[in-house]
PDB file of all heavy atoms in Angstrom:
ATOM      1  N   VAL A   1     -20.619   9.723   2.449  1.00  0.00           N
ATOM      2  CA  VAL A   1     -20.789  10.542   3.693  1.00  0.00           C
ATOM      3  C   VAL A   1     -22.212  10.486   4.144  1.00  0.00           C
ATOM      4  O   VAL A   1     -22.494  10.146   5.421  1.00  0.00           O
ATOM      5  CB  VAL A   1     -20.345  11.995   3.590  1.00  0.00           C
ATOM      6  CG1 VAL A   1     -20.704  12.723   4.838  1.00  0.00           C
ATOM      7  CG2 VAL A   1     -18.859  12.019   3.307  1.00  0.00           C
ATOM      8  N   LEU A   2     -23.172  10.650   3.322  1.00  0.00           N
ATOM      9  CA  LEU A   2     -24.529  10.584   3.822  1.00  0.00           C
ATOM     10  C   LEU A   2     -24.954   9.119   4.164  1.00  0.00           C
ATOM     11  O   LEU A   2     -25.643   9.099   5.167  1.00  0.00           O
ATOM     12  CB  LEU A   2     -25.474  10.910   2.561  1.00  0.00           C
ATOM     13  CG  LEU A   2     -26.929  10.978   2.878  1.00  0.00           C
ATOM     14  CD1 LEU A   2     -27.300  12.042   3.910  1.00  0.00           C
ATOM     15  CD2 LEU A   2     -27.739  11.370   1.512  1.00  0.00           C
ATOM     16  N   PHE A   3     -24.504   8.197   3.612  1.00  0.00           N
ATOM     17  CA  PHE A   3     -24.669   6.766   3.883  1.00  0.00           C
ATOM     18  C   PHE A   3     -24.145   6.584   5.303  1.00  0.00           C
ATOM     19  O   PHE A   3     -24.908   6.007   6.252  1.00  0.00           O
ATOM     20  CB  PHE A   3     -24.061   5.845   2.901  1.00  0.00           C
ATOM     21  CG  PHE A   3     -24.035   4.401   3.256  1.00  0.00           C
ATOM     22  CD1 PHE A   3     -25.259   3.665   3.092  1.00  0.00           C
ATOM     23  CD2 PHE A   3     -22.958   3.740   3.718  1.00  0.00           C
ATOM     24  CE1 PHE A   3     -25.394   2.303   3.416  1.00  0.00           C
ATOM     25  CE2 PHE A   3     -22.985   2.298   4.068  1.00  0.00           C
ATOM     26  CZ  PHE A   3     -24.163   1.668   3.887  1.00  0.00           C
ATOM     27  N   LEU A   4     -23.009   6.967   5.583  1.00  0.00           N
ATOM     28  CA  LEU A   4     -22.370   6.799   6.945  1.00  0.00           C
ATOM     29  C   LEU A   4     -23.042   7.607   7.970  1.00  0.00           C
ATOM     30  O   LEU A   4     -23.198   7.287   9.089  1.00  0.00           O
ATOM     31  CB  LEU A   4     -20.848   7.103   6.892  1.00  0.00           C
ATOM     32  CG  LEU A   4     -20.130   5.921   6.160  1.00  0.00           C
ATOM     33  CD1 LEU A   4     -18.649   6.462   5.767  1.00  0.00           C
ATOM     34  CD2 LEU A   4     -19.974   4.738   6.937  1.00  0.00           C
ATOM     35  N   LEU A   5     -23.507   8.890   7.534  1.00  0.00           N
ATOM     36  CA  LEU A   5     -24.230   9.676   8.492  1.00  0.00           C
ATOM     37  C   LEU A   5     -25.537   9.053   8.943  1.00  0.00           C
ATOM     38  O   LEU A   5     -25.885   9.186  10.168  1.00  0.00           O
ATOM     39  CB  LEU A   5     -24.498  11.015   7.855  1.00  0.00           C
ATOM     40  CG  LEU A   5     -25.176  12.106   8.726  1.00  0.00           C
ATOM     41  CD1 LEU A   5     -24.427  12.411   9.913  1.00  0.00           C
ATOM     42  CD2 LEU A   5     -25.458  13.383   7.928  1.00  0.00           C
ATOM     43  N   HIS A   6     -26.166   8.395   8.032  1.00  0.00           N
ATOM     44  CA  HIS A   6     -27.440   7.568   8.382  1.00  0.00           C
ATOM     45  C   HIS A   6     -27.022   6.475   9.305  1.00  0.00           C
ATOM     46  O   HIS A   6     -27.808   6.168  10.327  1.00  0.00           O
ATOM     47  CB  HIS A   6     -28.049   7.056   7.142  1.00  0.00           C
ATOM     48  CG  HIS A   6     -28.874   8.036   6.361  1.00  0.00           C
ATOM     49  ND1 HIS A   6     -28.968   8.015   5.011  1.00  0.00           N
ATOM     50  CD2 HIS A   6     -29.480   9.165   6.740  1.00  0.00           C
ATOM     51  CE1 HIS A   6     -29.719   8.949   4.579  1.00  0.00           C
ATOM     52  NE2 HIS A   6     -29.958   9.798   5.569  1.00  0.00           N
ATOM     53  N   LEU A   7     -25.935   5.841   9.233  1.00  0.00           N
ATOM     54  CA  LEU A   7     -25.574   4.749  10.090  1.00  0.00           C
ATOM     55  C   LEU A   7     -24.998   5.158  11.417  1.00  0.00           C
ATOM     56  O   LEU A   7     -25.428   4.587  12.453  1.00  0.00           O
ATOM     57  CB  LEU A   7     -24.420   3.878   9.397  1.00  0.00           C
ATOM     58  CG  LEU A   7     -24.748   3.252   8.043  1.00  0.00           C
ATOM     59  CD1 LEU A   7     -23.591   2.246   7.755  1.00  0.00           C
ATOM     60  CD2 LEU A   7     -26.081   2.380   8.232  1.00  0.00           C
ATOM     61  N   THR A   8     -24.283   6.322  11.438  1.00  0.00           N
ATOM     62  CA  THR A   8     -23.674   6.703  12.728  1.00  0.00           C
ATOM     63  C   THR A   8     -24.505   7.712  13.454  1.00  0.00           C
ATOM     64  O   THR A   8     -24.373   7.784  14.619  1.00  0.00           O
ATOM     65  CB  THR A   8     -22.300   7.268  12.408  1.00  0.00           C
ATOM     66  OG1 THR A   8     -22.359   8.479  11.669  1.00  0.00           O
ATOM     67  CG2 THR A   8     -21.424   6.310  11.650  1.00  0.00           C
ATOM     68  N   GLY A   9     -25.182   8.551  12.687  1.00  0.00           N
ATOM     69  CA  GLY A   9     -25.875   9.671  13.350  1.00  0.00           C
ATOM     70  C   GLY A   9     -24.997  10.861  13.696  1.00  0.00           C
ATOM     71  O   GLY A   9     -25.399  11.811  14.390  1.00  0.00           O
ATOM     72  N   ARG A  10     -23.752  10.774  13.302  1.00  0.00           N
ATOM     73  CA  ARG A  10     -22.832  11.827  13.663  1.00  0.00           C
ATOM     74  C   ARG A  10     -22.001  12.226  12.422  1.00  0.00           C
ATOM     75  O   ARG A  10     -21.316  11.538  11.764  1.00  0.00           O
ATOM     76  CB  ARG A  10     -21.828  11.393  14.791  1.00  0.00           C
ATOM     77  CG  ARG A  10     -22.341  11.032  16.078  1.00  0.00           C
ATOM     78  CD  ARG A  10     -21.485  10.523  17.065  1.00  0.00           C
ATOM     79  NE  ARG A  10     -20.148  11.338  17.087  1.00  0.00           N
ATOM     80  CZ  ARG A  10     -19.072  10.896  17.601  1.00  0.00           C
ATOM     81  NH1 ARG A  10     -18.936   9.673  18.081  1.00  0.00           N
ATOM     82  NH2 ARG A  10     -17.962  11.725  17.721  1.00  0.00           N
ATOM     83  N   ARG A  11     -22.006  13.563  12.135  1.00  0.00           N
ATOM     84  CA  ARG A  11     -21.289  14.137  10.951  1.00  0.00           C
ATOM     85  C   ARG A  11     -19.821  13.878  11.024  1.00  0.00           C
ATOM     86  O   ARG A  11     -19.109  13.484  10.074  1.00  0.00           O
ATOM     87  CB  ARG A  11     -21.644  15.560  10.811  1.00  0.00           C
ATOM     88  CG  ARG A  11     -20.817  16.312   9.830  1.00  0.00           C
ATOM     89  CD  ARG A  11     -21.056  15.885   8.373  1.00  0.00           C
ATOM     90  NE  ARG A  11     -22.378  16.188   7.995  1.00  0.00           N
ATOM     91  CZ  ARG A  11     -22.802  16.039   6.696  1.00  0.00           C
ATOM     92  NH1 ARG A  11     -21.992  15.483   5.778  1.00  0.00           N
ATOM     93  NH2 ARG A  11     -24.030  16.416   6.279  1.00  0.00           N
ATOM     94  N   ASP A  12     -19.229  14.144  12.226  1.00  0.00           N
ATOM     95  CA  ASP A  12     -17.754  13.986  12.345  1.00  0.00           C
ATOM     96  C   ASP A  12     -17.304  12.605  12.110  1.00  0.00           C
ATOM     97  O   ASP A  12     -16.306  12.309  11.441  1.00  0.00           O
ATOM     98  CB  ASP A  12     -17.231  14.575  13.688  1.00  0.00           C
ATOM     99  CG  ASP A  12     -17.892  13.889  14.819  1.00  0.00           C
ATOM    100  OD1 ASP A  12     -18.966  13.242  14.694  1.00  0.00           O
ATOM    101  OD2 ASP A  12     -17.300  13.979  16.030  1.00  0.00           O
ATOM    102  N   GLU A  13     -18.033  11.570  12.656  1.00  0.00           N
ATOM    103  CA  GLU A  13     -17.650  10.285  12.571  1.00  0.00           C
ATOM    104  C   GLU A  13     -17.842   9.861  11.174  1.00  0.00           C
ATOM    105  O   GLU A  13     -17.087   9.003  10.529  1.00  0.00           O
ATOM    106  CB  GLU A  13     -18.530   9.255  13.475  1.00  0.00           C
ATOM    107  CG  GLU A  13     -18.088   7.907  13.474  1.00  0.00           C
ATOM    108  CD  GLU A  13     -18.845   7.072  14.442  1.00  0.00           C
ATOM    109  OE1 GLU A  13     -19.800   7.593  15.063  1.00  0.00           O
ATOM    110  OE2 GLU A  13     -18.594   5.846  14.487  1.00  0.00           O
ATOM    111  N   ALA A  14     -18.970  10.294  10.506  1.00  0.00           N
ATOM    112  CA  ALA A  14     -19.261   9.848   9.077  1.00  0.00           C
ATOM    113  C   ALA A  14     -18.104  10.328   8.180  1.00  0.00           C
ATOM    114  O   ALA A  14     -17.651   9.615   7.286  1.00  0.00           O
ATOM    115  CB  ALA A  14     -20.618  10.491   8.624  1.00  0.00           C
ATOM    116  N   GLU A  15     -17.672  11.562   8.323  1.00  0.00           N
ATOM    117  CA  GLU A  15     -16.630  12.170   7.482  1.00  0.00           C
ATOM    118  C   GLU A  15     -15.312  11.422   7.678  1.00  0.00           C
ATOM    119  O   GLU A  15     -14.538  11.225   6.741  1.00  0.00           O
ATOM    120  CB  GLU A  15     -16.497  13.686   7.685  1.00  0.00           C
ATOM    121  CG  GLU A  15     -17.662  14.330   7.144  1.00  0.00           C
ATOM    122  CD  GLU A  15     -17.650  15.887   7.361  1.00  0.00           C
ATOM    123  OE1 GLU A  15     -16.821  16.332   8.174  1.00  0.00           O
ATOM    124  OE2 GLU A  15     -18.419  16.614   6.662  1.00  0.00           O
ATOM    125  N   GLU A  16     -15.065  11.155   9.000  1.00  0.00           N
ATOM    126  CA  GLU A  16     -13.833  10.393   9.271  1.00  0.00           C
ATOM    127  C   GLU A  16     -13.735   8.964   8.661  1.00  0.00           C
ATOM    128  O   GLU A  16     -12.828   8.587   8.034  1.00  0.00           O
ATOM    129  CB  GLU A  16     -13.608  10.284  10.757  1.00  0.00           C
ATOM    130  CG  GLU A  16     -12.438   9.596  11.191  1.00  0.00           C
ATOM    131  CD  GLU A  16     -12.350   9.401  12.788  1.00  0.00           C
ATOM    132  OE1 GLU A  16     -13.032  10.053  13.493  1.00  0.00           O
ATOM    133  OE2 GLU A  16     -11.478   8.478  13.164  1.00  0.00           O
ATOM    134  N   LEU A  17     -14.896   8.315   8.788  1.00  0.00           N
ATOM    135  CA  LEU A  17     -15.011   7.035   8.144  1.00  0.00           C
ATOM    136  C   LEU A  17     -14.942   6.980   6.681  1.00  0.00           C
ATOM    137  O   LEU A  17     -14.323   6.130   5.973  1.00  0.00           O
ATOM    138  CB  LEU A  17     -16.381   6.282   8.554  1.00  0.00           C
ATOM    139  CG  LEU A  17     -16.366   5.745  10.002  1.00  0.00           C
ATOM    140  CD1 LEU A  17     -17.796   5.398  10.372  1.00  0.00           C
ATOM    141  CD2 LEU A  17     -15.423   4.448   9.989  1.00  0.00           C
ATOM    142  N   ALA A  18     -15.571   8.010   6.085  1.00  0.00           N
ATOM    143  CA  ALA A  18     -15.662   8.210   4.536  1.00  0.00           C
ATOM    144  C   ALA A  18     -14.244   8.379   4.014  1.00  0.00           C
ATOM    145  O   ALA A  18     -13.846   7.796   3.003  1.00  0.00           O
ATOM    146  CB  ALA A  18     -16.435   9.409   4.241  1.00  0.00           C
ATOM    147  N   GLN A  19     -13.341   9.151   4.730  1.00  0.00           N
ATOM    148  CA  GLN A  19     -11.950   9.240   4.333  1.00  0.00           C
ATOM    149  C   GLN A  19     -11.260   7.807   4.343  1.00  0.00           C
ATOM    150  O   GLN A  19     -10.511   7.521   3.418  1.00  0.00           O
ATOM    151  CB  GLN A  19     -11.151  10.257   5.256  1.00  0.00           C
ATOM    152  CG  GLN A  19     -11.674  11.632   5.160  1.00  0.00           C
ATOM    153  CD  GLN A  19     -10.976  12.568   6.148  1.00  0.00           C
ATOM    154  OE1 GLN A  19      -9.887  12.249   6.699  1.00  0.00           O
ATOM    155  NE2 GLN A  19     -11.706  13.606   6.513  1.00  0.00           N
ATOM    156  N   ASP A  20     -11.538   7.022   5.428  1.00  0.00           N
ATOM    157  CA  ASP A  20     -10.991   5.709   5.510  1.00  0.00           C
ATOM    158  C   ASP A  20     -11.474   4.805   4.376  1.00  0.00           C
ATOM    159  O   ASP A  20     -10.786   4.025   3.701  1.00  0.00           O
ATOM    160  CB  ASP A  20     -11.330   5.088   6.834  1.00  0.00           C
ATOM    161  CG  ASP A  20     -10.607   5.657   8.002  1.00  0.00           C
ATOM    162  OD1 ASP A  20      -9.519   6.318   7.730  1.00  0.00           O
ATOM    163  OD2 ASP A  20     -11.049   5.514   9.102  1.00  0.00           O
ATOM    164  N   VAL A  21     -12.697   4.994   3.964  1.00  0.00           N
ATOM    165  CA  VAL A  21     -13.320   4.344   2.956  1.00  0.00           C
ATOM    166  C   VAL A  21     -12.670   4.471   1.649  1.00  0.00           C
ATOM    167  O   VAL A  21     -12.408   3.579   0.855  1.00  0.00           O
ATOM    168  CB  VAL A  21     -14.820   4.625   2.789  1.00  0.00           C
ATOM    169  CG1 VAL A  21     -15.449   4.041   1.551  1.00  0.00           C
ATOM    170  CG2 VAL A  21     -15.653   4.050   4.003  1.00  0.00           C
ATOM    171  N   PHE A  22     -12.342   5.777   1.335  1.00  0.00           N
ATOM    172  CA  PHE A  22     -11.789   6.068  -0.017  1.00  0.00           C
ATOM    173  C   PHE A  22     -10.277   5.676   0.034  1.00  0.00           C
ATOM    174  O   PHE A  22      -9.750   5.359  -1.097  1.00  0.00           O
ATOM    175  CB  PHE A  22     -12.044   7.578  -0.391  1.00  0.00           C
ATOM    176  CG  PHE A  22     -13.359   7.803  -0.960  1.00  0.00           C
ATOM    177  CD1 PHE A  22     -14.431   8.097  -0.129  1.00  0.00           C
ATOM    178  CD2 PHE A  22     -13.578   7.544  -2.278  1.00  0.00           C
ATOM    179  CE1 PHE A  22     -15.777   8.285  -0.672  1.00  0.00           C
ATOM    180  CE2 PHE A  22     -14.821   7.740  -2.892  1.00  0.00           C
ATOM    181  CZ  PHE A  22     -15.921   8.059  -1.991  1.00  0.00           C
ATOM    182  N   ILE A  23      -9.665   5.717   1.093  1.00  0.00           N
ATOM    183  CA  ILE A  23      -8.302   5.185   1.079  1.00  0.00           C
ATOM    184  C   ILE A  23      -8.299   3.736   0.797  1.00  0.00           C
ATOM    185  O   ILE A  23      -7.513   3.232   0.034  1.00  0.00           O
ATOM    186  CB  ILE A  23      -7.708   5.423   2.492  1.00  0.00           C
ATOM    187  CG1 ILE A  23      -7.344   7.040   2.727  1.00  0.00           C
ATOM    188  CG2 ILE A  23      -6.420   4.644   2.707  1.00  0.00           C
ATOM    189  CD1 ILE A  23      -6.955   7.335   4.069  1.00  0.00           C
ATOM    190  N   LYS A  24      -9.264   2.933   1.453  1.00  0.00           N
ATOM    191  CA  LYS A  24      -9.246   1.545   1.272  1.00  0.00           C
ATOM    192  C   LYS A  24      -9.725   1.283  -0.221  1.00  0.00           C
ATOM    193  O   LYS A  24      -9.212   0.244  -0.891  1.00  0.00           O
ATOM    194  CB  LYS A  24     -10.460   0.888   2.198  1.00  0.00           C
ATOM    195  CG  LYS A  24      -9.934   0.835   3.674  1.00  0.00           C
ATOM    196  CD  LYS A  24      -9.080  -0.457   3.909  1.00  0.00           C
ATOM    197  CE  LYS A  24      -8.625  -0.525   5.294  1.00  0.00           C
ATOM    198  NZ  LYS A  24      -9.769  -0.819   6.210  1.00  0.00           N
ATOM    199  N   ALA A  25     -10.679   2.014  -0.693  1.00  0.00           N
ATOM    200  CA  ALA A  25     -11.234   1.860  -2.077  1.00  0.00           C
ATOM    201  C   ALA A  25     -10.064   2.100  -3.009  1.00  0.00           C
ATOM    202  O   ALA A  25      -9.868   1.357  -4.054  1.00  0.00           O
ATOM    203  CB  ALA A  25     -12.326   2.774  -2.265  1.00  0.00           C
ATOM    204  N   TRP A  26      -9.236   3.054  -2.859  1.00  0.00           N
ATOM    205  CA  TRP A  26      -8.115   3.313  -3.739  1.00  0.00           C
ATOM    206  C   TRP A  26      -7.105   2.243  -3.746  1.00  0.00           C
ATOM    207  O   TRP A  26      -6.610   1.777  -4.728  1.00  0.00           O
ATOM    208  CB  TRP A  26      -7.512   4.621  -3.344  1.00  0.00           C
ATOM    209  CG  TRP A  26      -6.483   5.077  -4.412  1.00  0.00           C
ATOM    210  CD1 TRP A  26      -5.135   5.082  -4.339  1.00  0.00           C
ATOM    211  CD2 TRP A  26      -6.777   5.656  -5.779  1.00  0.00           C
ATOM    212  NE1 TRP A  26      -4.506   5.507  -5.544  1.00  0.00           N
ATOM    213  CE2 TRP A  26      -5.501   5.838  -6.372  1.00  0.00           C
ATOM    214  CE3 TRP A  26      -7.882   5.884  -6.438  1.00  0.00           C
ATOM    215  CZ2 TRP A  26      -5.315   6.445  -7.651  1.00  0.00           C
ATOM    216  CZ3 TRP A  26      -7.770   6.405  -7.657  1.00  0.00           C
ATOM    217  CH2 TRP A  26      -6.573   6.606  -8.260  1.00  0.00           C
ATOM    218  N   GLN A  27      -6.782   1.673  -2.532  1.00  0.00           N
ATOM    219  CA  GLN A  27      -5.830   0.708  -2.373  1.00  0.00           C
ATOM    220  C   GLN A  27      -6.387  -0.626  -3.043  1.00  0.00           C
ATOM    221  O   GLN A  27      -5.464  -1.501  -3.392  1.00  0.00           O
ATOM    222  CB  GLN A  27      -5.591   0.395  -0.929  1.00  0.00           C
ATOM    223  CG  GLN A  27      -4.877   1.518  -0.179  1.00  0.00           C
ATOM    224  CD  GLN A  27      -4.781   1.297   1.297  1.00  0.00           C
ATOM    225  OE1 GLN A  27      -5.564   0.552   1.883  1.00  0.00           O
ATOM    226  NE2 GLN A  27      -3.839   2.039   1.952  1.00  0.00           N
ATOM    227  N   HIS A  28      -7.713  -0.806  -3.116  1.00  0.00           N
ATOM    228  CA  HIS A  28      -8.232  -2.076  -3.684  1.00  0.00           C
ATOM    229  C   HIS A  28      -9.006  -1.852  -4.902  1.00  0.00           C
ATOM    230  O   HIS A  28      -9.742  -2.740  -5.346  1.00  0.00           O
ATOM    231  CB  HIS A  28      -9.090  -2.773  -2.584  1.00  0.00           C
ATOM    232  CG  HIS A  28      -8.378  -3.102  -1.337  1.00  0.00           C
ATOM    233  ND1 HIS A  28      -8.230  -2.385  -0.261  1.00  0.00           N
ATOM    234  CD2 HIS A  28      -7.788  -4.330  -1.003  1.00  0.00           C
ATOM    235  CE1 HIS A  28      -7.523  -2.946   0.734  1.00  0.00           C
ATOM    236  NE2 HIS A  28      -7.256  -4.185   0.239  1.00  0.00           N
ATOM    237  N   LEU A  29      -8.811  -0.786  -5.553  1.00  0.00           N
ATOM    238  CA  LEU A  29      -9.446  -0.436  -6.781  1.00  0.00           C
ATOM    239  C   LEU A  29      -9.225  -1.507  -7.818  1.00  0.00           C
ATOM    240  O   LEU A  29     -10.166  -1.861  -8.570  1.00  0.00           O
ATOM    241  CB  LEU A  29      -9.046   0.912  -7.300  1.00  0.00           C
ATOM    242  CG  LEU A  29     -10.011   1.532  -8.365  1.00  0.00           C
ATOM    243  CD1 LEU A  29     -11.381   1.801  -7.851  1.00  0.00           C
ATOM    244  CD2 LEU A  29      -9.460   2.870  -8.859  1.00  0.00           C
ATOM    245  N   HIS A  30      -8.107  -2.123  -7.844  1.00  0.00           N
ATOM    246  CA  HIS A  30      -7.773  -3.183  -8.912  1.00  0.00           C
ATOM    247  C   HIS A  30      -8.706  -4.346  -8.728  1.00  0.00           C
ATOM    248  O   HIS A  30      -8.856  -5.308  -9.588  1.00  0.00           O
ATOM    249  CB  HIS A  30      -6.247  -3.604  -8.716  1.00  0.00           C
ATOM    250  CG  HIS A  30      -5.935  -4.208  -7.496  1.00  0.00           C
ATOM    251  ND1 HIS A  30      -5.797  -3.537  -6.401  1.00  0.00           N
ATOM    252  CD2 HIS A  30      -5.855  -5.481  -7.174  1.00  0.00           C
ATOM    253  CE1 HIS A  30      -5.445  -4.340  -5.439  1.00  0.00           C
ATOM    254  NE2 HIS A  30      -5.405  -5.511  -5.871  1.00  0.00           N
ATOM    255  N   THR A  31      -9.305  -4.503  -7.517  1.00  0.00           N
ATOM    256  CA  THR A  31     -10.152  -5.684  -7.304  1.00  0.00           C
ATOM    257  C   THR A  31     -11.653  -5.512  -7.749  1.00  0.00           C
ATOM    258  O   THR A  31     -12.423  -6.390  -7.635  1.00  0.00           O
ATOM    259  CB  THR A  31     -10.099  -6.135  -5.764  1.00  0.00           C
ATOM    260  OG1 THR A  31     -10.861  -5.094  -4.859  1.00  0.00           O
ATOM    261  CG2 THR A  31      -8.776  -6.265  -5.338  1.00  0.00           C
ATOM    262  N   PHE A  32     -11.954  -4.199  -8.069  1.00  0.00           N
ATOM    263  CA  PHE A  32     -13.311  -3.892  -8.463  1.00  0.00           C
ATOM    264  C   PHE A  32     -13.561  -4.592  -9.927  1.00  0.00           C
ATOM    265  O   PHE A  32     -12.991  -4.252 -10.891  1.00  0.00           O
ATOM    266  CB  PHE A  32     -13.509  -2.414  -8.649  1.00  0.00           C
ATOM    267  CG  PHE A  32     -14.906  -1.951  -9.034  1.00  0.00           C
ATOM    268  CD1 PHE A  32     -16.153  -2.294  -8.423  1.00  0.00           C
ATOM    269  CD2 PHE A  32     -15.065  -1.500 -10.381  1.00  0.00           C
ATOM    270  CE1 PHE A  32     -17.355  -1.985  -8.815  1.00  0.00           C
ATOM    271  CE2 PHE A  32     -16.306  -1.142 -10.847  1.00  0.00           C
ATOM    272  CZ  PHE A  32     -17.428  -1.352 -10.119  1.00  0.00           C
ATOM    273  N   ALA A  33     -14.565  -5.544  -9.846  1.00  0.00           N
ATOM    274  CA  ALA A  33     -14.699  -6.428 -11.063  1.00  0.00           C
ATOM    275  C   ALA A  33     -15.926  -5.964 -11.744  1.00  0.00           C
ATOM    276  O   ALA A  33     -16.279  -6.463 -12.797  1.00  0.00           O
ATOM    277  CB  ALA A  33     -14.829  -7.889 -10.693  1.00  0.00           C
ATOM    278  N   GLY A  34     -16.725  -5.036 -11.226  1.00  0.00           N
ATOM    279  CA  GLY A  34     -17.998  -4.599 -11.952  1.00  0.00           C
ATOM    280  C   GLY A  34     -19.235  -5.499 -11.774  1.00  0.00           C
ATOM    281  O   GLY A  34     -20.163  -5.260 -12.406  1.00  0.00           O
ATOM    282  N   ARG A  35     -19.157  -6.453 -10.902  1.00  0.00           N
ATOM    283  CA  ARG A  35     -20.278  -7.349 -10.720  1.00  0.00           C
ATOM    284  C   ARG A  35     -21.347  -6.588 -10.065  1.00  0.00           C
ATOM    285  O   ARG A  35     -22.588  -6.792 -10.210  1.00  0.00           O
ATOM    286  CB  ARG A  35     -19.924  -8.564  -9.914  1.00  0.00           C
ATOM    287  CG  ARG A  35     -18.981  -9.548 -10.749  1.00  0.00           C
ATOM    288  CD  ARG A  35     -18.747 -10.892  -9.913  1.00  0.00           C
ATOM    289  NE  ARG A  35     -17.909 -10.683  -8.878  1.00  0.00           N
ATOM    290  CZ  ARG A  35     -16.569 -10.728  -8.935  1.00  0.00           C
ATOM    291  NH1 ARG A  35     -16.031 -11.097 -10.023  1.00  0.00           N
ATOM    292  NH2 ARG A  35     -15.860 -10.535  -7.739  1.00  0.00           N
ATOM    293  N   ALA A  36     -20.958  -5.658  -9.286  1.00  0.00           N
ATOM    294  CA  ALA A  36     -22.026  -4.675  -8.518  1.00  0.00           C
ATOM    295  C   ALA A  36     -21.617  -3.305  -9.034  1.00  0.00           C
ATOM    296  O   ALA A  36     -20.548  -3.152  -9.545  1.00  0.00           O
ATOM    297  CB  ALA A  36     -22.005  -4.861  -7.027  1.00  0.00           C
TER     298      ALA A  36
END
């Protein structure tokens, strides 16, 4: 959320995007290989 707040400058947009991020992350968690 803080990362997105820095990018967007808007709390509401940052929180909305963060929810989308974690939905995507959960859907693609199996692709996380640990290289980063």
